[in-house]
Amino acid sequence: MLSRQLLRSGTAIGALVREAEQAESHADFIHKMAIALKEANESAYWIDLLNQSGYIDINGYESIYPEIIELLKLLTAIIKSSKGNT
Protein backbone atom coordinates (compact mmCIF):
# COMPACT_ATOMS: atom_id res chain seq x y z
CA MET A 1 0.00 0.00 0.00
CA LEU A 2 1.12 3.52 -0.76
CA SER A 3 0.44 4.74 2.76
CA ARG A 4 2.70 2.03 4.23
CA GLN A 5 5.50 3.07 1.91
CA LEU A 6 5.10 6.68 3.04
CA LEU A 7 5.08 5.60 6.69
CA ARG A 8 8.28 3.62 6.18
CA SER A 9 10.18 6.32 4.31
CA GLY A 10 8.81 9.13 6.47
CA THR A 11 9.80 7.54 9.76
CA ALA A 12 13.21 6.59 8.38
CA ILE A 13 14.05 10.28 7.97
CA GLY A 14 13.80 10.99 11.68
CA ALA A 15 15.62 7.80 12.63
CA LEU A 16 18.52 8.61 10.31
CA VAL A 17 18.81 12.19 11.55
CA ARG A 18 18.84 10.82 15.11
CA GLU A 19 21.58 8.36 14.12
CA ALA A 20 23.55 11.17 12.51
CA GLU A 21 23.57 13.01 15.84
CA GLN A 22 25.68 10.15 17.22
CA ALA A 23 27.78 9.62 14.10
CA GLU A 24 31.17 8.03 14.58
CA SER A 25 32.87 10.51 12.25
CA HIS A 26 32.20 13.54 10.11
CA ALA A 27 31.96 11.30 7.04
CA ASP A 28 29.48 9.03 8.85
CA PHE A 29 27.35 12.09 9.71
CA ILE A 30 27.26 13.19 6.07
CA HIS A 31 26.46 9.66 4.93
CA LYS A 32 23.53 9.29 7.34
CA MET A 33 22.17 12.71 6.40
CA ALA A 34 22.45 11.81 2.71
CA ILE A 35 20.40 8.67 3.29
CA ALA A 36 17.84 10.78 5.20
CA LEU A 37 17.68 13.07 2.15
CA LYS A 38 16.99 10.08 -0.10
CA GLU A 39 14.21 8.94 2.23
CA ALA A 40 12.72 12.44 2.24
CA ASN A 41 12.78 12.46 -1.55
CA GLU A 42 11.06 9.08 -1.59
CA SER A 43 8.44 10.42 0.83
CA ALA A 44 7.74 13.32 -1.54
CA TYR A 45 7.20 10.76 -4.29
CA TRP A 46 4.71 8.76 -2.21
CA ILE A 47 2.85 11.94 -1.24
CA ASP A 48 2.56 12.82 -4.94
CA LEU A 49 1.21 9.36 -5.72
CA LEU A 50 -1.27 9.48 -2.84
CA ASN A 51 -2.58 12.76 -4.20
CA GLN A 52 -2.70 11.63 -7.83
CA SER A 53 -4.49 8.42 -6.90
CA GLY A 54 -7.10 10.25 -4.82
CA TYR A 55 -6.09 8.85 -1.43
CA ILE A 56 -5.53 12.39 -0.19
CA ASP A 57 -7.40 15.42 -1.45
CA ILE A 58 -5.83 18.63 -2.68
CA ASN A 59 -6.19 20.30 0.73
CA GLY A 60 -4.33 17.48 2.43
CA TYR A 61 -1.69 17.49 -0.27
CA GLU A 62 -1.19 21.24 -0.09
CA SER A 63 -0.79 21.08 3.68
CA ILE A 64 1.77 18.25 3.56
CA TYR A 65 3.80 18.77 0.40
CA PRO A 66 5.37 22.15 1.28
CA GLU A 67 6.64 20.61 4.52
CA ILE A 68 8.48 17.80 2.73
CA ILE A 69 9.96 20.32 0.27
CA GLU A 70 11.26 22.39 3.19
CA LEU A 71 12.72 19.25 4.74
CA LEU A 72 14.47 18.41 1.45
CA LYS A 73 15.95 21.92 1.34
CA LEU A 74 17.06 21.72 4.98
CA LEU A 75 18.74 18.33 4.59
CA THR A 76 20.42 19.48 1.37
CA ALA A 77 21.78 22.59 3.11
CA ILE A 78 23.06 20.54 6.06
CA ILE A 79 24.85 18.14 3.75
CA LYS A 80 26.36 20.93 1.63
CA SER A 81 27.60 22.88 4.64
CA SER A 82 28.94 19.72 6.26
CA LYS A 83 30.86 18.84 3.11
CA GLY A 84 32.28 22.35 3.10
CA ASN A 85 33.58 21.84 6.64
CA THR A 86 35.71 18.81 5.77
PDB file of N, CA and C in Angstrom:
ATOM      1  N   MET A   1       0.835  -1.176   0.000  1.00  0.00           N
ATOM      2  CA  MET A   1       0.000   0.000   0.000  1.00  0.00           C
ATOM      3  C   MET A   1       0.889   1.253   0.000  1.00  0.00           C
ATOM      4  N   LEU A   2       0.373   2.262  -0.661  1.00  0.00           N
ATOM      5  CA  LEU A   2       1.120   3.522  -0.757  1.00  0.00           C
ATOM      6  C   LEU A   2       1.347   4.146   0.614  1.00  0.00           C
ATOM      7  N   SER A   3       0.319   4.106   1.451  1.00  0.00           N
ATOM      8  CA  SER A   3       0.445   4.744   2.760  1.00  0.00           C
ATOM      9  C   SER A   3       1.502   4.055   3.621  1.00  0.00           C
ATOM     10  N   ARG A   4       1.655   2.752   3.479  1.00  0.00           N
ATOM     11  CA  ARG A   4       2.695   2.035   4.233  1.00  0.00           C
ATOM     12  C   ARG A   4       4.085   2.438   3.754  1.00  0.00           C
ATOM     13  N   GLN A   5       4.216   2.632   2.454  1.00  0.00           N
ATOM     14  CA  GLN A   5       5.504   3.075   1.910  1.00  0.00           C
ATOM     15  C   GLN A   5       5.856   4.458   2.452  1.00  0.00           C
ATOM     16  N   LEU A   6       4.865   5.336   2.501  1.00  0.00           N
ATOM     17  CA  LEU A   6       5.095   6.679   3.042  1.00  0.00           C
ATOM     18  C   LEU A   6       5.462   6.607   4.522  1.00  0.00           C
ATOM     19  N   LEU A   7       4.769   5.765   5.269  1.00  0.00           N
ATOM     20  CA  LEU A   7       5.076   5.604   6.689  1.00  0.00           C
ATOM     21  C   LEU A   7       6.512   5.122   6.869  1.00  0.00           C
ATOM     22  N   ARG A   8       6.931   4.152   6.065  1.00  0.00           N
ATOM     23  CA  ARG A   8       8.277   3.616   6.177  1.00  0.00           C
ATOM     24  C   ARG A   8       9.332   4.674   5.852  1.00  0.00           C
ATOM     25  N   SER A   9       9.175   5.337   4.706  1.00  0.00           N
ATOM     26  CA  SER A   9      10.183   6.324   4.309  1.00  0.00           C
ATOM     27  C   SER A   9      10.147   7.554   5.209  1.00  0.00           C
ATOM     28  N   GLY A  10       8.939   7.951   5.615  1.00  0.00           N
ATOM     29  CA  GLY A  10       8.807   9.133   6.465  1.00  0.00           C
ATOM     30  C   GLY A  10       9.411   8.949   7.841  1.00  0.00           C
ATOM     31  N   THR A  11       9.223   7.778   8.428  1.00  0.00           N
ATOM     32  CA  THR A  11       9.797   7.540   9.756  1.00  0.00           C
ATOM     33  C   THR A  11      11.300   7.295   9.681  1.00  0.00           C
ATOM     34  N   ALA A  12      11.770   6.816   8.542  1.00  0.00           N
ATOM     35  CA  ALA A  12      13.210   6.593   8.381  1.00  0.00           C
ATOM     36  C   ALA A  12      13.979   7.911   8.442  1.00  0.00           C
ATOM     37  N   ILE A  13      13.367   8.979   7.971  1.00  0.00           N
ATOM     38  CA  ILE A  13      14.048  10.285   7.975  1.00  0.00           C
ATOM     39  C   ILE A  13      14.459  10.658   9.393  1.00  0.00           C
ATOM     40  N   GLY A  14      13.513  10.627  10.295  1.00  0.00           N
ATOM     41  CA  GLY A  14      13.800  10.991  11.684  1.00  0.00           C
ATOM     42  C   GLY A  14      14.811  10.062  12.332  1.00  0.00           C
ATOM     43  N   ALA A  15      14.689   8.768  12.058  1.00  0.00           N
ATOM     44  CA  ALA A  15      15.621   7.803  12.635  1.00  0.00           C
ATOM     45  C   ALA A  15      17.045   8.061  12.142  1.00  0.00           C
ATOM     46  N   LEU A  16      17.189   8.361  10.867  1.00  0.00           N
ATOM     47  CA  LEU A  16      18.521   8.612  10.308  1.00  0.00           C
ATOM     48  C   LEU A  16      19.131   9.911  10.834  1.00  0.00           C
ATOM     49  N   VAL A  17      18.303  10.928  10.982  1.00  0.00           N
ATOM     50  CA  VAL A  17      18.814  12.190  11.551  1.00  0.00           C
ATOM     51  C   VAL A  17      19.251  11.940  12.987  1.00  0.00           C
ATOM     52  N   ARG A  18      18.479  11.152  13.725  1.00  0.00           N
ATOM     53  CA  ARG A  18      18.838  10.818  15.110  1.00  0.00           C
ATOM     54  C   ARG A  18      20.157  10.047  15.142  1.00  0.00           C
ATOM     55  N   GLU A  19      20.324   9.105  14.207  1.00  0.00           N
ATOM     56  CA  GLU A  19      21.577   8.356  14.125  1.00  0.00           C
ATOM     57  C   GLU A  19      22.738   9.287  13.794  1.00  0.00           C
ATOM     58  N   ALA A  20      22.496  10.237  12.915  1.00  0.00           N
ATOM     59  CA  ALA A  20      23.555  11.169  12.515  1.00  0.00           C
ATOM     60  C   ALA A  20      24.051  11.992  13.706  1.00  0.00           C
ATOM     61  N   GLU A  21      23.171  12.262  14.649  1.00  0.00           N
ATOM     62  CA  GLU A  21      23.568  13.011  15.842  1.00  0.00           C
ATOM     63  C   GLU A  21      24.660  12.276  16.624  1.00  0.00           C
ATOM     64  N   GLN A  22      24.683  10.967  16.510  1.00  0.00           N
ATOM     65  CA  GLN A  22      25.676  10.150  17.222  1.00  0.00           C
ATOM     66  C   GLN A  22      26.674   9.513  16.261  1.00  0.00           C
ATOM     67  N   ALA A  23      26.890  10.158  15.127  1.00  0.00           N
ATOM     68  CA  ALA A  23      27.785   9.618  14.103  1.00  0.00           C
ATOM     69  C   ALA A  23      29.181   9.392  14.666  1.00  0.00           C
ATOM     70  N   GLU A  24      29.833   8.370  14.131  1.00  0.00           N
ATOM     71  CA  GLU A  24      31.175   8.026  14.580  1.00  0.00           C
ATOM     72  C   GLU A  24      32.245   8.926  13.988  1.00  0.00           C
ATOM     73  N   SER A  25      31.916   9.606  12.890  1.00  0.00           N
ATOM     74  CA  SER A  25      32.871  10.506  12.248  1.00  0.00           C
ATOM     75  C   SER A  25      32.093  11.539  11.440  1.00  0.00           C
ATOM     76  N   HIS A  26      32.808  12.513  10.950  1.00  0.00           N
ATOM     77  CA  HIS A  26      32.203  13.541  10.108  1.00  0.00           C
ATOM     78  C   HIS A  26      31.646  12.906   8.830  1.00  0.00           C
ATOM     79  N   ALA A  27      32.407  11.986   8.252  1.00  0.00           N
ATOM     80  CA  ALA A  27      31.956  11.296   7.035  1.00  0.00           C
ATOM     81  C   ALA A  27      30.706  10.460   7.311  1.00  0.00           C
ATOM     82  N   ASP A  28      30.650   9.836   8.475  1.00  0.00           N
ATOM     83  CA  ASP A  28      29.479   9.032   8.852  1.00  0.00           C
ATOM     84  C   ASP A  28      28.254   9.936   9.001  1.00  0.00           C
ATOM     85  N   PHE A  29      28.454  11.123   9.581  1.00  0.00           N
ATOM     86  CA  PHE A  29      27.351  12.087   9.711  1.00  0.00           C
ATOM     87  C   PHE A  29      26.796  12.461   8.340  1.00  0.00           C
ATOM     88  N   ILE A  30      27.682  12.801   7.414  1.00  0.00           N
ATOM     89  CA  ILE A  30      27.260  13.192   6.069  1.00  0.00           C
ATOM     90  C   ILE A  30      26.536  12.029   5.395  1.00  0.00           C
ATOM     91  N   HIS A  31      27.073  10.835   5.545  1.00  0.00           N
ATOM     92  CA  HIS A  31      26.461   9.658   4.930  1.00  0.00           C
ATOM     93  C   HIS A  31      25.040   9.431   5.442  1.00  0.00           C
ATOM     94  N   LYS A  32      24.858   9.508   6.758  1.00  0.00           N
ATOM     95  CA  LYS A  32      23.530   9.290   7.340  1.00  0.00           C
ATOM     96  C   LYS A  32      22.548  10.383   6.915  1.00  0.00           C
ATOM     97  N   MET A  33      23.027  11.615   6.846  1.00  0.00           N
ATOM     98  CA  MET A  33      22.167  12.710   6.398  1.00  0.00           C
ATOM     99  C   MET A  33      21.809  12.552   4.922  1.00  0.00           C
ATOM    100  N   ALA A  34      22.729  12.036   4.132  1.00  0.00           N
ATOM    101  CA  ALA A  34      22.447  11.812   2.710  1.00  0.00           C
ATOM    102  C   ALA A  34      21.385  10.729   2.538  1.00  0.00           C
ATOM    103  N   ILE A  35      21.434   9.710   3.362  1.00  0.00           N
ATOM    104  CA  ILE A  35      20.396   8.674   3.294  1.00  0.00           C
ATOM    105  C   ILE A  35      19.057   9.262   3.734  1.00  0.00           C
ATOM    106  N   ALA A  36      19.065  10.114   4.757  1.00  0.00           N
ATOM    107  CA  ALA A  36      17.835  10.782   5.200  1.00  0.00           C
ATOM    108  C   ALA A  36      17.253  11.621   4.062  1.00  0.00           C
ATOM    109  N   LEU A  37      18.117  12.284   3.307  1.00  0.00           N
ATOM    110  CA  LEU A  37      17.678  13.068   2.152  1.00  0.00           C
ATOM    111  C   LEU A  37      17.012  12.173   1.111  1.00  0.00           C
ATOM    112  N   LYS A  38      17.591  11.021   0.855  1.00  0.00           N
ATOM    113  CA  LYS A  38      16.990  10.079  -0.095  1.00  0.00           C
ATOM    114  C   LYS A  38      15.616   9.623   0.387  1.00  0.00           C
ATOM    115  N   GLU A  39      15.497   9.353   1.666  1.00  0.00           N
ATOM    116  CA  GLU A  39      14.209   8.936   2.226  1.00  0.00           C
ATOM    117  C   GLU A  39      13.179  10.060   2.146  1.00  0.00           C
ATOM    118  N   ALA A  40      13.620  11.297   2.351  1.00  0.00           N
ATOM    119  CA  ALA A  40      12.715  12.442   2.235  1.00  0.00           C
ATOM    120  C   ALA A  40      12.241  12.596   0.796  1.00  0.00           C
ATOM    121  N   ASN A  41      13.145  12.393  -0.141  1.00  0.00           N
ATOM    122  CA  ASN A  41      12.782  12.464  -1.552  1.00  0.00           C
ATOM    123  C   ASN A  41      11.780  11.365  -1.899  1.00  0.00           C
ATOM    124  N   GLU A  42      11.999  10.181  -1.363  1.00  0.00           N
ATOM    125  CA  GLU A  42      11.058   9.083  -1.587  1.00  0.00           C
ATOM    126  C   GLU A  42       9.694   9.420  -0.971  1.00  0.00           C
ATOM    127  N   SER A  43       9.697  10.031   0.190  1.00  0.00           N
ATOM    128  CA  SER A  43       8.439  10.424   0.834  1.00  0.00           C
ATOM    129  C   SER A  43       7.673  11.413  -0.034  1.00  0.00           C
ATOM    130  N   ALA A  44       8.389  12.357  -0.634  1.00  0.00           N
ATOM    131  CA  ALA A  44       7.741  13.317  -1.540  1.00  0.00           C
ATOM    132  C   ALA A  44       7.085  12.583  -2.700  1.00  0.00           C
ATOM    133  N   TYR A  45       7.752  11.570  -3.203  1.00  0.00           N
ATOM    134  CA  TYR A  45       7.204  10.762  -4.294  1.00  0.00           C
ATOM    135  C   TYR A  45       5.908  10.079  -3.861  1.00  0.00           C
ATOM    136  N   TRP A  46       5.911   9.457  -2.678  1.00  0.00           N
ATOM    137  CA  TRP A  46       4.710   8.763  -2.206  1.00  0.00           C
ATOM    138  C   TRP A  46       3.572   9.746  -1.960  1.00  0.00           C
ATOM    139  N   ILE A  47       3.890  10.933  -1.456  1.00  0.00           N
ATOM    140  CA  ILE A  47       2.851  11.943  -1.240  1.00  0.00           C
ATOM    141  C   ILE A  47       2.238  12.348  -2.576  1.00  0.00           C
ATOM    142  N   ASP A  48       3.076  12.524  -3.592  1.00  0.00           N
ATOM    143  CA  ASP A  48       2.560  12.822  -4.940  1.00  0.00           C
ATOM    144  C   ASP A  48       1.625  11.721  -5.422  1.00  0.00           C
ATOM    145  N   LEU A  49       2.044  10.479  -5.272  1.00  0.00           N
ATOM    146  CA  LEU A  49       1.213   9.356  -5.720  1.00  0.00           C
ATOM    147  C   LEU A  49      -0.097   9.269  -4.942  1.00  0.00           C
ATOM    148  N   LEU A  50      -0.037   9.502  -3.638  1.00  0.00           N
ATOM    149  CA  LEU A  50      -1.265   9.478  -2.836  1.00  0.00           C
ATOM    150  C   LEU A  50      -2.244  10.538  -3.316  1.00  0.00           C
ATOM    151  N   ASN A  51      -1.726  11.701  -3.684  1.00  0.00           N
ATOM    152  CA  ASN A  51      -2.578  12.761  -4.203  1.00  0.00           C
ATOM    153  C   ASN A  51      -3.139  12.393  -5.573  1.00  0.00           C
ATOM    154  N   GLN A  52      -2.275  11.944  -6.457  1.00  0.00           N
ATOM    155  CA  GLN A  52      -2.702  11.626  -7.826  1.00  0.00           C
ATOM    156  C   GLN A  52      -3.690  10.463  -7.872  1.00  0.00           C
ATOM    157  N   SER A  53      -3.590   9.567  -6.914  1.00  0.00           N
ATOM    158  CA  SER A  53      -4.494   8.420  -6.901  1.00  0.00           C
ATOM    159  C   SER A  53      -5.778   8.694  -6.132  1.00  0.00           C
ATOM    160  N   GLY A  54      -5.889   9.876  -5.528  1.00  0.00           N
ATOM    161  CA  GLY A  54      -7.104  10.253  -4.824  1.00  0.00           C
ATOM    162  C   GLY A  54      -7.171   9.818  -3.367  1.00  0.00           C
ATOM    163  N   TYR A  55      -6.084   9.258  -2.841  1.00  0.00           N
ATOM    164  CA  TYR A  55      -6.088   8.848  -1.429  1.00  0.00           C
ATOM    165  C   TYR A  55      -6.060  10.040  -0.492  1.00  0.00           C
ATOM    166  N   ILE A  56      -5.441  11.141  -0.943  1.00  0.00           N
ATOM    167  CA  ILE A  56      -5.530  12.392  -0.185  1.00  0.00           C
ATOM    168  C   ILE A  56      -6.044  13.467  -1.132  1.00  0.00           C
ATOM    169  N   ASP A  57      -6.846  14.361  -0.605  1.00  0.00           N
ATOM    170  CA  ASP A  57      -7.398  15.417  -1.448  1.00  0.00           C
ATOM    171  C   ASP A  57      -6.396  16.559  -1.591  1.00  0.00           C
ATOM    172  N   ILE A  58      -6.742  17.528  -2.400  1.00  0.00           N
ATOM    173  CA  ILE A  58      -5.830  18.632  -2.683  1.00  0.00           C
ATOM    174  C   ILE A  58      -5.509  19.428  -1.426  1.00  0.00           C
ATOM    175  N   ASN A  59      -6.462  19.570  -0.517  1.00  0.00           N
ATOM    176  CA  ASN A  59      -6.187  20.302   0.725  1.00  0.00           C
ATOM    177  C   ASN A  59      -5.158  19.574   1.582  1.00  0.00           C
ATOM    178  N   GLY A  60      -5.310  18.265   1.681  1.00  0.00           N
ATOM    179  CA  GLY A  60      -4.335  17.482   2.431  1.00  0.00           C
ATOM    180  C   GLY A  60      -2.961  17.547   1.792  1.00  0.00           C
ATOM    181  N   TYR A  61      -2.943  17.423   0.479  1.00  0.00           N
ATOM    182  CA  TYR A  61      -1.691  17.489  -0.266  1.00  0.00           C
ATOM    183  C   TYR A  61      -1.004  18.835  -0.067  1.00  0.00           C
ATOM    184  N   GLU A  62      -1.772  19.902  -0.210  1.00  0.00           N
ATOM    185  CA  GLU A  62      -1.192  21.241  -0.090  1.00  0.00           C
ATOM    186  C   GLU A  62      -0.749  21.568   1.333  1.00  0.00           C
ATOM    187  N   SER A  63      -1.258  20.851   2.316  1.00  0.00           N
ATOM    188  CA  SER A  63      -0.790  21.075   3.679  1.00  0.00           C
ATOM    189  C   SER A  63       0.456  20.246   4.001  1.00  0.00           C
ATOM    190  N   ILE A  64       0.640  19.145   3.290  1.00  0.00           N
ATOM    191  CA  ILE A  64       1.772  18.249   3.565  1.00  0.00           C
ATOM    192  C   ILE A  64       2.965  18.527   2.653  1.00  0.00           C
ATOM    193  N   TYR A  65       2.719  18.701   1.375  1.00  0.00           N
ATOM    194  CA  TYR A  65       3.804  18.767   0.395  1.00  0.00           C
ATOM    195  C   TYR A  65       4.812  19.891   0.662  1.00  0.00           C
ATOM    196  N   PRO A  66       4.369  21.097   0.998  1.00  0.00           N
ATOM    197  CA  PRO A  66       5.371  22.145   1.275  1.00  0.00           C
ATOM    198  C   PRO A  66       6.309  21.784   2.434  1.00  0.00           C
ATOM    199  N   GLU A  67       5.804  21.017   3.379  1.00  0.00           N
ATOM    200  CA  GLU A  67       6.639  20.610   4.516  1.00  0.00           C
ATOM    201  C   GLU A  67       7.759  19.674   4.072  1.00  0.00           C
ATOM    202  N   ILE A  68       7.440  18.733   3.191  1.00  0.00           N
ATOM    203  CA  ILE A  68       8.475  17.801   2.731  1.00  0.00           C
ATOM    204  C   ILE A  68       9.485  18.536   1.844  1.00  0.00           C
ATOM    205  N   ILE A  69       9.038  19.527   1.090  1.00  0.00           N
ATOM    206  CA  ILE A  69       9.962  20.322   0.273  1.00  0.00           C
ATOM    207  C   ILE A  69      10.918  21.104   1.176  1.00  0.00           C
ATOM    208  N   GLU A  70      10.400  21.678   2.232  1.00  0.00           N
ATOM    209  CA  GLU A  70      11.258  22.391   3.187  1.00  0.00           C
ATOM    210  C   GLU A  70      12.269  21.447   3.829  1.00  0.00           C
ATOM    211  N   LEU A  71      11.827  20.234   4.156  1.00  0.00           N
ATOM    212  CA  LEU A  71      12.725  19.247   4.737  1.00  0.00           C
ATOM    213  C   LEU A  71      13.827  18.870   3.745  1.00  0.00           C
ATOM    214  N   LEU A  72      13.467  18.702   2.484  1.00  0.00           N
ATOM    215  CA  LEU A  72      14.471  18.413   1.450  1.00  0.00           C
ATOM    216  C   LEU A  72      15.508  19.538   1.369  1.00  0.00           C
ATOM    217  N   LYS A  73      15.035  20.772   1.397  1.00  0.00           N
ATOM    218  CA  LYS A  73      15.952  21.922   1.344  1.00  0.00           C
ATOM    219  C   LYS A  73      16.861  21.967   2.572  1.00  0.00           C
ATOM    220  N   LEU A  74      16.290  21.698   3.736  1.00  0.00           N
ATOM    221  CA  LEU A  74      17.059  21.722   4.975  1.00  0.00           C
ATOM    222  C   LEU A  74      18.135  20.639   4.976  1.00  0.00           C
ATOM    223  N   LEU A  75      17.762  19.425   4.622  1.00  0.00           N
ATOM    224  CA  LEU A  75      18.741  18.334   4.586  1.00  0.00           C
ATOM    225  C   LEU A  75      19.827  18.604   3.550  1.00  0.00           C
ATOM    226  N   THR A  76      19.442  19.140   2.412  1.00  0.00           N
ATOM    227  CA  THR A  76      20.419  19.484   1.375  1.00  0.00           C
ATOM    228  C   THR A  76      21.411  20.524   1.892  1.00  0.00           C
ATOM    229  N   ALA A  77      20.908  21.540   2.569  1.00  0.00           N
ATOM    230  CA  ALA A  77      21.776  22.590   3.114  1.00  0.00           C
ATOM    231  C   ALA A  77      22.719  22.033   4.176  1.00  0.00           C
ATOM    232  N   ILE A  78      22.218  21.148   5.031  1.00  0.00           N
ATOM    233  CA  ILE A  78      23.063  20.544   6.065  1.00  0.00           C
ATOM    234  C   ILE A  78      24.183  19.740   5.428  1.00  0.00           C
ATOM    235  N   ILE A  79      23.841  18.970   4.419  1.00  0.00           N
ATOM    236  CA  ILE A  79      24.854  18.138   3.748  1.00  0.00           C
ATOM    237  C   ILE A  79      25.896  19.024   3.058  1.00  0.00           C
ATOM    238  N   LYS A  80      25.428  20.033   2.332  1.00  0.00           N
ATOM    239  CA  LYS A  80      26.363  20.928   1.633  1.00  0.00           C
ATOM    240  C   LYS A  80      27.285  21.636   2.599  1.00  0.00           C
ATOM    241  N   SER A  81      26.749  22.165   3.687  1.00  0.00           N
ATOM    242  CA  SER A  81      27.599  22.881   4.635  1.00  0.00           C
ATOM    243  C   SER A  81      28.532  21.928   5.362  1.00  0.00           C
ATOM    244  N   SER A  82      28.084  20.711   5.610  1.00  0.00           N
ATOM    245  CA  SER A  82      28.944  19.723   6.256  1.00  0.00           C
ATOM    246  C   SER A  82      30.082  19.315   5.339  1.00  0.00           C
ATOM    247  N   LYS A  83      29.798  19.184   4.064  1.00  0.00           N
ATOM    248  CA  LYS A  83      30.859  18.836   3.111  1.00  0.00           C
ATOM    249  C   LYS A  83      31.858  19.973   2.994  1.00  0.00           C
ATOM    250  N   GLY A  84      31.388  21.197   3.151  1.00  0.00           N
ATOM    251  CA  GLY A  84      32.275  22.351   3.097  1.00  0.00           C
ATOM    252  C   GLY A  84      33.177  22.449   4.315  1.00  0.00           C
ATOM    253  N   ASN A  85      32.802  21.791   5.391  1.00  0.00           N
ATOM    254  CA  ASN A  85      33.579  21.840   6.636  1.00  0.00           C
ATOM    255  C   ASN A  85      34.558  20.686   6.757  1.00  0.00           C
ATOM    256  N   THR A  86      34.772  19.937   5.679  1.00  0.00           N
ATOM    257  CA  THR A  86      35.708  18.812   5.768  1.00  0.00           C
ATOM    258  C   THR A  86      37.114  19.226   5.460  1.00  0.00           C
TER     259      THR A  86
END
